[in-house]
Amino acid sequence: MTSLRERVNAHLPIVLQFISTISLTIIALTAICGSSSLKKLAESHSPNTESSALNKVHMHE
């Protein structure tokens, strides 16, 4: 019969590889969601051509 330490040592590389894969997947999903959020944020703060034209008209009046 194998000891607990031997069983843990036998399965440790598999568990660590699984954790590494899950971590990389989470990082990739975070990057995708983050870039999407940044794109929406940039679009909401970009100058709108219609509002810029209206501001110019009101400033000259």
PDB file of N, CA and C in Angstrom:
ATOM      1  N   MET A   1       0.843  -1.177   0.000  1.00  0.00           N
ATOM      2  CA  MET A   1       0.000   0.000   0.000  1.00  0.00           C
ATOM      3  C   MET A   1       0.894   1.248   0.000  1.00  0.00           C
ATOM      4  N   THR A   2       0.504   2.228  -0.804  1.00  0.00           N
ATOM      5  CA  THR A   2       1.299   3.454  -0.883  1.00  0.00           C
ATOM      6  C   THR A   2       0.869   4.425   0.205  1.00  0.00           C
ATOM      7  N   SER A   3       1.827   5.209   0.621  1.00  0.00           N
ATOM      8  CA  SER A   3       1.528   6.184   1.670  1.00  0.00           C
ATOM      9  C   SER A   3       0.836   7.402   1.073  1.00  0.00           C
ATOM     10  N   LEU A   4       0.284   8.200   1.938  1.00  0.00           N
ATOM     11  CA  LEU A   4      -0.407   9.417   1.503  1.00  0.00           C
ATOM     12  C   LEU A   4       0.551  10.344   0.770  1.00  0.00           C
ATOM     13  N   ARG A   5       1.758  10.462   1.281  1.00  0.00           N
ATOM     14  CA  ARG A   5       2.757  11.338   0.651  1.00  0.00           C
ATOM     15  C   ARG A   5       3.068  10.872  -0.780  1.00  0.00           C
ATOM     16  N   GLU A   6       3.189   9.598  -1.011  1.00  0.00           N
ATOM     17  CA  GLU A   6       3.472   9.075  -2.353  1.00  0.00           C
ATOM     18  C   GLU A   6       2.307   9.345  -3.304  1.00  0.00           C
ATOM     19  N   ARG A   7       1.077   9.184  -2.790  1.00  0.00           N
ATOM     20  CA  ARG A   7      -0.092   9.460  -3.637  1.00  0.00           C
ATOM     21  C   ARG A   7      -0.169  10.944  -3.991  1.00  0.00           C
ATOM     22  N   VAL A   8       0.100  11.789  -3.007  1.00  0.00           N
ATOM     23  CA  VAL A   8       0.081  13.235  -3.275  1.00  0.00           C
ATOM     24  C   VAL A   8       1.166  13.592  -4.285  1.00  0.00           C
ATOM     25  N   ASN A   9       2.363  13.075  -4.098  1.00  0.00           N
ATOM     26  CA  ASN A   9       3.458  13.349  -5.026  1.00  0.00           C
ATOM     27  C   ASN A   9       3.168  12.828  -6.427  1.00  0.00           C
ATOM     28  N   ALA A  10       2.439  11.734  -6.530  1.00  0.00           N
ATOM     29  CA  ALA A  10       2.102  11.177  -7.842  1.00  0.00           C
ATOM     30  C   ALA A  10       1.093  12.063  -8.573  1.00  0.00           C
ATOM     31  N   HIS A  11       0.156  12.668  -7.834  1.00  0.00           N
ATOM     32  CA  HIS A  11      -0.896  13.464  -8.466  1.00  0.00           C
ATOM     33  C   HIS A  11      -0.595  14.956  -8.507  1.00  0.00           C
ATOM     34  N   LEU A  12       0.430  15.388  -7.824  1.00  0.00           N
ATOM     35  CA  LEU A  12       0.735  16.811  -7.742  1.00  0.00           C
ATOM     36  C   LEU A  12       0.988  17.470  -9.107  1.00  0.00           C
ATOM     37  N   PRO A  13       1.773  16.867 -10.003  1.00  0.00           N
ATOM     38  CA  PRO A  13       1.980  17.526 -11.307  1.00  0.00           C
ATOM     39  C   PRO A  13       0.680  17.716 -12.091  1.00  0.00           C
ATOM     40  N   ILE A  14      -0.219  16.750 -12.007  1.00  0.00           N
ATOM     41  CA  ILE A  14      -1.494  16.852 -12.721  1.00  0.00           C
ATOM     42  C   ILE A  14      -2.331  17.984 -12.129  1.00  0.00           C
ATOM     43  N   VAL A  15      -2.388  18.059 -10.814  1.00  0.00           N
ATOM     44  CA  VAL A  15      -3.168  19.104 -10.143  1.00  0.00           C
ATOM     45  C   VAL A  15      -2.587  20.483 -10.452  1.00  0.00           C
ATOM     46  N   LEU A  16      -1.271  20.605 -10.407  1.00  0.00           N
ATOM     47  CA  LEU A  16      -0.640  21.900 -10.697  1.00  0.00           C
ATOM     48  C   LEU A  16      -0.868  22.315 -12.149  1.00  0.00           C
ATOM     49  N   GLN A  17      -0.828  21.364 -13.071  1.00  0.00           N
ATOM     50  CA  GLN A  17      -1.085  21.686 -14.478  1.00  0.00           C
ATOM     51  C   GLN A  17      -2.527  22.133 -14.664  1.00  0.00           C
ATOM     52  N   PHE A  18      -3.441  21.484 -13.975  1.00  0.00           N
ATOM     53  CA  PHE A  18      -4.852  21.859 -14.042  1.00  0.00           C
ATOM     54  C   PHE A  18      -5.057  23.276 -13.507  1.00  0.00           C
ATOM     55  N   ILE A  19      -4.454  23.582 -12.371  1.00  0.00           N
ATOM     56  CA  ILE A  19      -4.563  24.920 -11.789  1.00  0.00           C
ATOM     57  C   ILE A  19      -3.958  25.964 -12.727  1.00  0.00           C
ATOM     58  N   SER A  20      -2.834  25.638 -13.340  1.00  0.00           N
ATOM     59  CA  SER A  20      -2.191  26.551 -14.281  1.00  0.00           C
ATOM     60  C   SER A  20      -3.092  26.819 -15.489  1.00  0.00           C
ATOM     61  N   THR A  21      -3.703  25.779 -16.013  1.00  0.00           N
ATOM     62  CA  THR A  21      -4.589  25.931 -17.166  1.00  0.00           C
ATOM     63  C   THR A  21      -5.802  26.778 -16.814  1.00  0.00           C
ATOM     64  N   ILE A  22      -6.397  26.517 -15.674  1.00  0.00           N
ATOM     65  CA  ILE A  22      -7.556  27.303 -15.237  1.00  0.00           C
ATOM     66  C   ILE A  22      -7.160  28.765 -15.032  1.00  0.00           C
ATOM     67  N   SER A  23      -6.003  29.001 -14.445  1.00  0.00           N
ATOM     68  CA  SER A  23      -5.540  30.370 -14.214  1.00  0.00           C
ATOM     69  C   SER A  23      -5.347  31.120 -15.527  1.00  0.00           C
ATOM     70  N   LEU A  24      -4.733  30.475 -16.493  1.00  0.00           N
ATOM     71  CA  LEU A  24      -4.524  31.122 -17.790  1.00  0.00           C
ATOM     72  C   LEU A  24      -5.847  31.400 -18.495  1.00  0.00           C
ATOM     73  N   THR A  25      -6.807  30.502 -18.343  1.00  0.00           N
ATOM     74  CA  THR A  25      -8.124  30.712 -18.932  1.00  0.00           C
ATOM     75  C   THR A  25      -8.812  31.913 -18.292  1.00  0.00           C
ATOM     76  N   ILE A  26      -8.722  32.018 -16.982  1.00  0.00           N
ATOM     77  CA  ILE A  26      -9.328  33.148 -16.279  1.00  0.00           C
ATOM     78  C   ILE A  26      -8.654  34.458 -16.685  1.00  0.00           C
ATOM     79  N   ILE A  27      -7.334  34.448 -16.826  1.00  0.00           N
ATOM     80  CA  ILE A  27      -6.619  35.653 -17.249  1.00  0.00           C
ATOM     81  C   ILE A  27      -7.049  36.066 -18.659  1.00  0.00           C
ATOM     82  N   ALA A  28      -7.196  35.093 -19.551  1.00  0.00           N
ATOM     83  CA  ALA A  28      -7.622  35.400 -20.918  1.00  0.00           C
ATOM     84  C   ALA A  28      -9.033  35.976 -20.938  1.00  0.00           C
ATOM     85  N   LEU A  29      -9.936  35.380 -20.167  1.00  0.00           N
ATOM     86  CA  LEU A  29     -11.308  35.896 -20.124  1.00  0.00           C
ATOM     87  C   LEU A  29     -11.358  37.293 -19.520  1.00  0.00           C
ATOM     88  N   THR A  30     -10.545  37.534 -18.518  1.00  0.00           N
ATOM     89  CA  THR A  30     -10.475  38.856 -17.904  1.00  0.00           C
ATOM     90  C   THR A  30      -9.967  39.892 -18.907  1.00  0.00           C
ATOM     91  N   ALA A  31      -8.968  39.510 -19.699  1.00  0.00           N
ATOM     92  CA  ALA A  31      -8.430  40.429 -20.707  1.00  0.00           C
ATOM     93  C   ALA A  31      -9.478  40.748 -21.769  1.00  0.00           C
ATOM     94  N   ILE A  32     -10.234  39.738 -22.177  1.00  0.00           N
ATOM     95  CA  ILE A  32     -11.278  39.960 -23.185  1.00  0.00           C
ATOM     96  C   ILE A  32     -12.359  40.879 -22.638  1.00  0.00           C
ATOM     97  N   CYS A  33     -12.827  40.593 -21.426  1.00  0.00           N
ATOM     98  CA  CYS A  33     -13.868  41.428 -20.808  1.00  0.00           C
ATOM     99  C   CYS A  33     -13.345  42.843 -20.536  1.00  0.00           C
ATOM    100  N   GLY A  34     -12.093  42.935 -20.111  1.00  0.00           N
ATOM    101  CA  GLY A  34     -11.501  44.238 -19.837  1.00  0.00           C
ATOM    102  C   GLY A  34     -11.365  45.081 -21.088  1.00  0.00           C
ATOM    103  N   SER A  35     -10.961  44.462 -22.180  1.00  0.00           N
ATOM    104  CA  SER A  35     -10.819  45.227 -23.418  1.00  0.00           C
ATOM    105  C   SER A  35     -12.179  45.671 -23.934  1.00  0.00           C
ATOM    106  N   SER A  36     -13.179  44.825 -23.743  1.00  0.00           N
ATOM    107  CA  SER A  36     -14.528  45.208 -24.151  1.00  0.00           C
ATOM    108  C   SER A  36     -15.026  46.391 -23.319  1.00  0.00           C
ATOM    109  N   SER A  37     -14.779  46.344 -22.025  1.00  0.00           N
ATOM    110  CA  SER A  37     -15.197  47.445 -21.152  1.00  0.00           C
ATOM    111  C   SER A  37     -14.449  48.728 -21.489  1.00  0.00           C
ATOM    112  N   LEU A  38     -13.160  48.619 -21.761  1.00  0.00           N
ATOM    113  CA  LEU A  38     -12.383  49.804 -22.126  1.00  0.00           C
ATOM    114  C   LEU A  38     -12.863  50.398 -23.443  1.00  0.00           C
ATOM    115  N   LYS A  39     -13.251  49.537 -24.378  1.00  0.00           N
ATOM    116  CA  LYS A  39     -13.751  50.028 -25.657  1.00  0.00           C
ATOM    117  C   LYS A  39     -15.051  50.804 -25.452  1.00  0.00           C
ATOM    118  N   LYS A  40     -15.951  50.254 -24.627  1.00  0.00           N
ATOM    119  CA  LYS A  40     -17.208  50.956 -24.344  1.00  0.00           C
ATOM    120  C   LYS A  40     -16.946  52.275 -23.632  1.00  0.00           C
ATOM    121  N   LEU A  41     -16.013  52.263 -22.696  1.00  0.00           N
ATOM    122  CA  LEU A  41     -15.671  53.481 -21.962  1.00  0.00           C
ATOM    123  C   LEU A  41     -15.089  54.536 -22.900  1.00  0.00           C
ATOM    124  N   ALA A  42     -14.222  54.118 -23.802  1.00  0.00           N
ATOM    125  CA  ALA A  42     -13.621  55.055 -24.751  1.00  0.00           C
ATOM    126  C   ALA A  42     -14.675  55.622 -25.695  1.00  0.00           C
ATOM    127  N   GLU A  43     -15.615  54.775 -26.118  1.00  0.00           N
ATOM    128  CA  GLU A  43     -16.666  55.251 -27.006  1.00  0.00           C
ATOM    129  C   GLU A  43     -17.576  56.247 -26.297  1.00  0.00           C
ATOM    130  N   SER A  44     -17.827  56.028 -25.012  1.00  0.00           N
ATOM    131  CA  SER A  44     -18.714  56.941 -24.286  1.00  0.00           C
ATOM    132  C   SER A  44     -18.038  58.283 -24.018  1.00  0.00           C
ATOM    133  N   HIS A  45     -16.717  58.315 -24.021  1.00  0.00           N
ATOM    134  CA  HIS A  45     -15.998  59.561 -23.766  1.00  0.00           C
ATOM    135  C   HIS A  45     -15.462  60.211 -25.041  1.00  0.00           C
ATOM    136  N   SER A  46     -15.694  59.574 -26.181  1.00  0.00           N
ATOM    137  CA  SER A  46     -15.218  60.176 -27.423  1.00  0.00           C
ATOM    138  C   SER A  46     -16.143  61.331 -27.804  1.00  0.00           C
ATOM    139  N   PRO A  47     -15.568  62.359 -28.400  1.00  0.00           N
ATOM    140  CA  PRO A  47     -16.406  63.501 -28.785  1.00  0.00           C
ATOM    141  C   PRO A  47     -17.365  63.108 -29.900  1.00  0.00           C
ATOM    142  N   ASN A  48     -18.599  63.380 -29.675  1.00  0.00           N
ATOM    143  CA  ASN A  48     -19.631  63.091 -30.665  1.00  0.00           C
ATOM    144  C   ASN A  48     -19.665  64.248 -31.660  1.00  0.00           C
ATOM    145  N   THR A  49     -19.706  63.956 -32.945  1.00  0.00           N
ATOM    146  CA  THR A  49     -19.646  65.017 -33.956  1.00  0.00           C
ATOM    147  C   THR A  49     -20.865  65.922 -33.873  1.00  0.00           C
ATOM    148  N   GLU A  50     -22.041  65.373 -33.585  1.00  0.00           N
ATOM    149  CA  GLU A  50     -23.235  66.204 -33.502  1.00  0.00           C
ATOM    150  C   GLU A  50     -23.171  67.136 -32.295  1.00  0.00           C
ATOM    151  N   SER A  51     -22.775  66.609 -31.152  1.00  0.00           N
ATOM    152  CA  SER A  51     -22.715  67.462 -29.962  1.00  0.00           C
ATOM    153  C   SER A  51     -21.612  68.504 -30.113  1.00  0.00           C
ATOM    154  N   SER A  52     -20.521  68.172 -30.783  1.00  0.00           N
ATOM    155  CA  SER A  52     -19.464  69.154 -31.010  1.00  0.00           C
ATOM    156  C   SER A  52     -19.959  70.271 -31.917  1.00  0.00           C
ATOM    157  N   ALA A  53     -20.715  69.921 -32.934  1.00  0.00           N
ATOM    158  CA  ALA A  53     -21.244  70.935 -33.827  1.00  0.00           C
ATOM    159  C   ALA A  53     -22.233  71.836 -33.096  1.00  0.00           C
ATOM    160  N   LEU A  54     -23.081  71.241 -32.236  1.00  0.00           N
ATOM    161  CA  LEU A  54     -24.017  72.048 -31.478  1.00  0.00           C
ATOM    162  C   LEU A  54     -23.297  72.973 -30.507  1.00  0.00           C
ATOM    163  N   ASN A  55     -22.248  72.488 -29.890  1.00  0.00           N
ATOM    164  CA  ASN A  55     -21.482  73.328 -28.956  1.00  0.00           C
ATOM    165  C   ASN A  55     -20.851  74.505 -29.698  1.00  0.00           C
ATOM    166  N   LYS A  56     -20.348  74.273 -30.889  1.00  0.00           N
ATOM    167  CA  LYS A  56     -19.730  75.358 -31.652  1.00  0.00           C
ATOM    168  C   LYS A  56     -20.768  76.403 -32.028  1.00  0.00           C
ATOM    169  N   VAL A  57     -21.974  75.967 -32.391  1.00  0.00           N
ATOM    170  CA  VAL A  57     -23.039  76.905 -32.758  1.00  0.00           C
ATOM    171  C   VAL A  57     -23.412  77.747 -31.544  1.00  0.00           C
ATOM    172  N   HIS A  58     -23.569  77.118 -30.380  1.00  0.00           N
ATOM    173  CA  HIS A  58     -23.958  77.842 -29.182  1.00  0.00           C
ATOM    174  C   HIS A  58     -22.848  78.782 -28.703  1.00  0.00           C
ATOM    175  N   MET A  59     -21.620  78.431 -28.939  1.00  0.00           N
ATOM    176  CA  MET A  59     -20.506  79.273 -28.484  1.00  0.00           C
ATOM    177  C   MET A  59     -20.414  80.531 -29.332  1.00  0.00           C
ATOM    178  N   HIS A  60     -20.793  80.462 -30.617  1.00  0.00           N
ATOM    179  CA  HIS A  60     -20.674  81.620 -31.505  1.00  0.00           C
ATOM    180  C   HIS A  60     -21.884  82.555 -31.397  1.00  0.00           C
ATOM    181  N   GLU A  61     -22.915  82.118 -30.743  1.00  0.00           N
ATOM    182  CA  GLU A  61     -24.121  82.962 -30.657  1.00  0.00           C
ATOM    183  C   GLU A  61     -23.990  84.026 -29.612  1.00  0.00           C
TER     184      GLU A  61
END
